[in-house]
Protein backbone atom coordinates (compact mmCIF):
# COMPACT_ATOMS: atom_id res chain seq x y z
CA MET A 1 11.82 150.00 123.26
CA LYS A 2 11.15 148.02 120.17
CA HIS A 3 8.54 144.99 120.51
CA PHE A 4 8.68 141.88 117.97
CA ASP A 5 6.25 138.97 117.96
CA LEU A 6 7.71 135.92 115.70
CA ILE A 7 5.67 133.57 114.56
CA SER A 8 7.41 130.30 114.18
CA LEU A 9 6.55 126.32 114.24
CA PHE A 10 9.85 126.26 116.19
CA PRO A 11 9.67 129.20 119.03
CA GLN A 12 12.65 127.38 120.93
CA THR A 13 14.66 128.84 117.77
CA VAL A 14 13.29 132.38 118.56
CA HIS A 15 14.27 132.00 122.32
CA TRP A 16 17.55 130.88 121.47
CA PHE A 17 17.95 134.10 118.77
CA ALA A 18 17.46 136.37 121.15
CA GLU A 19 19.92 135.09 123.67
CA LEU A 20 22.92 135.30 121.08
CA GLY A 21 25.01 137.75 119.20
CA VAL A 22 23.79 141.36 118.11
CA THR A 23 20.05 140.77 118.82
CA GLY A 24 21.29 139.17 122.46
CA ASP A 25 22.98 142.48 123.14
CA ALA A 26 19.74 144.35 122.58
CA VAL A 27 17.44 141.86 124.29
CA ARG A 28 19.93 142.43 127.34
CA ARG A 29 20.40 146.02 127.25
CA GLY A 30 16.47 146.25 127.49
CA LEU A 31 16.61 147.76 123.64
CA ILE A 32 14.34 145.38 122.19
CA SER A 33 11.91 142.44 123.29
CA MET A 34 10.59 139.21 121.56
CA THR A 35 7.65 136.87 121.97
CA ALA A 36 6.97 133.58 119.80
CA TRP A 37 3.89 132.27 118.75
CA ASN A 38 3.25 128.79 117.34
CA PRO A 39 0.59 128.45 115.10
CA ARG A 40 0.44 124.57 115.93
CA ASP A 41 -1.25 126.09 119.31
CA GLU A 42 -4.37 128.05 117.20
CA CYS A 43 -5.46 124.36 115.99
CA ALA A 44 -7.00 121.24 117.54
CA SER A 45 -5.40 118.96 115.34
CA GLY A 46 -1.37 120.50 116.42
CA ARG A 47 -0.65 119.91 112.49
CA PRO A 48 -0.62 123.61 110.85
CA ASP A 49 0.66 122.16 107.96
CA ASP A 50 -0.82 119.93 104.42
CA ARG A 51 0.03 118.16 101.56
CA GLY A 52 -0.11 120.20 98.64
CA TYR A 53 -3.34 120.04 96.53
CA GLY A 54 -1.15 119.08 93.52
CA GLY A 55 0.74 115.54 95.73
CA GLY A 56 4.60 115.28 95.37
CA PRO A 57 6.36 115.43 98.35
CA GLY A 58 6.45 118.71 101.31
CA MET A 59 4.01 120.03 103.05
CA VAL A 60 2.22 123.57 102.69
CA MET A 61 1.08 125.75 105.77
CA GLN A 62 -2.60 126.18 106.42
CA ALA A 63 -3.85 129.45 106.32
CA GLU A 64 -6.03 129.58 109.32
CA PRO A 65 -3.53 128.72 112.08
CA VAL A 66 -1.17 131.58 110.89
CA ALA A 67 -4.10 133.78 110.70
CA ARG A 68 -5.05 132.84 114.28
CA ALA A 69 -1.62 132.88 115.50
CA LEU A 70 -1.14 136.69 114.22
CA ARG A 71 -4.32 137.74 115.44
CA LYS A 72 -3.55 136.42 118.82
CA ALA A 73 -0.01 138.35 118.49
CA GLN A 74 -2.05 141.35 117.86
CA GLY A 75 -4.17 141.37 120.40
CA ALA A 76 -1.54 140.79 122.98
CA SER A 77 0.07 144.19 122.08
CA GLY A 78 -2.65 146.35 122.12
CA ALA A 79 -2.25 147.97 118.88
CA ARG A 80 -1.98 147.24 115.01
CA ARG A 81 2.01 147.32 113.54
CA PRO A 82 3.38 146.27 110.54
CA VAL A 83 3.77 142.99 109.78
CA ALA A 84 6.35 141.01 107.59
CA TYR A 85 5.54 138.10 106.04
CA LEU A 86 8.34 135.98 104.60
CA SER A 87 7.39 133.80 101.90
CA PRO A 88 8.89 132.46 98.43
CA GLN A 89 6.66 134.45 96.45
CA GLY A 90 8.03 137.75 98.46
CA ARG A 91 10.05 140.23 98.07
CA ARG A 92 14.17 139.49 98.33
CA TRP A 93 14.92 140.35 102.03
CA ASP A 94 18.11 142.26 101.54
CA GLN A 95 19.92 145.30 103.46
CA GLY A 96 18.10 147.82 100.76
CA LEU A 97 14.79 146.54 102.14
CA ALA A 98 15.60 146.35 105.52
CA GLN A 99 17.01 149.98 105.34
CA GLU A 100 13.67 150.66 103.24
CA LEU A 101 11.37 149.36 106.23
CA VAL A 102 13.52 151.36 108.96
CA GLN A 103 11.96 154.65 107.60
């Protein structure tokens, strides 16, 4: 069985995702399992985001709550596994990248 740890500010969406469609079928058949980790749980203020340094609209994630959630997820599994960090600066996630990562 493959296990996926997902870090999200909205862990309830991970649970919904694990119940629906192809992913839900895989979970029910015991092919995969998923655990959600919330960065809000890793900061005293409960606010893992902050205003951008340059001003203007929008918020940015603080690195430390995300890093703590990642360490917690890695510690729970007892093994170091590959990490896919999705961000606007990263490589576009498409079918080609998905196939590459499967290999």
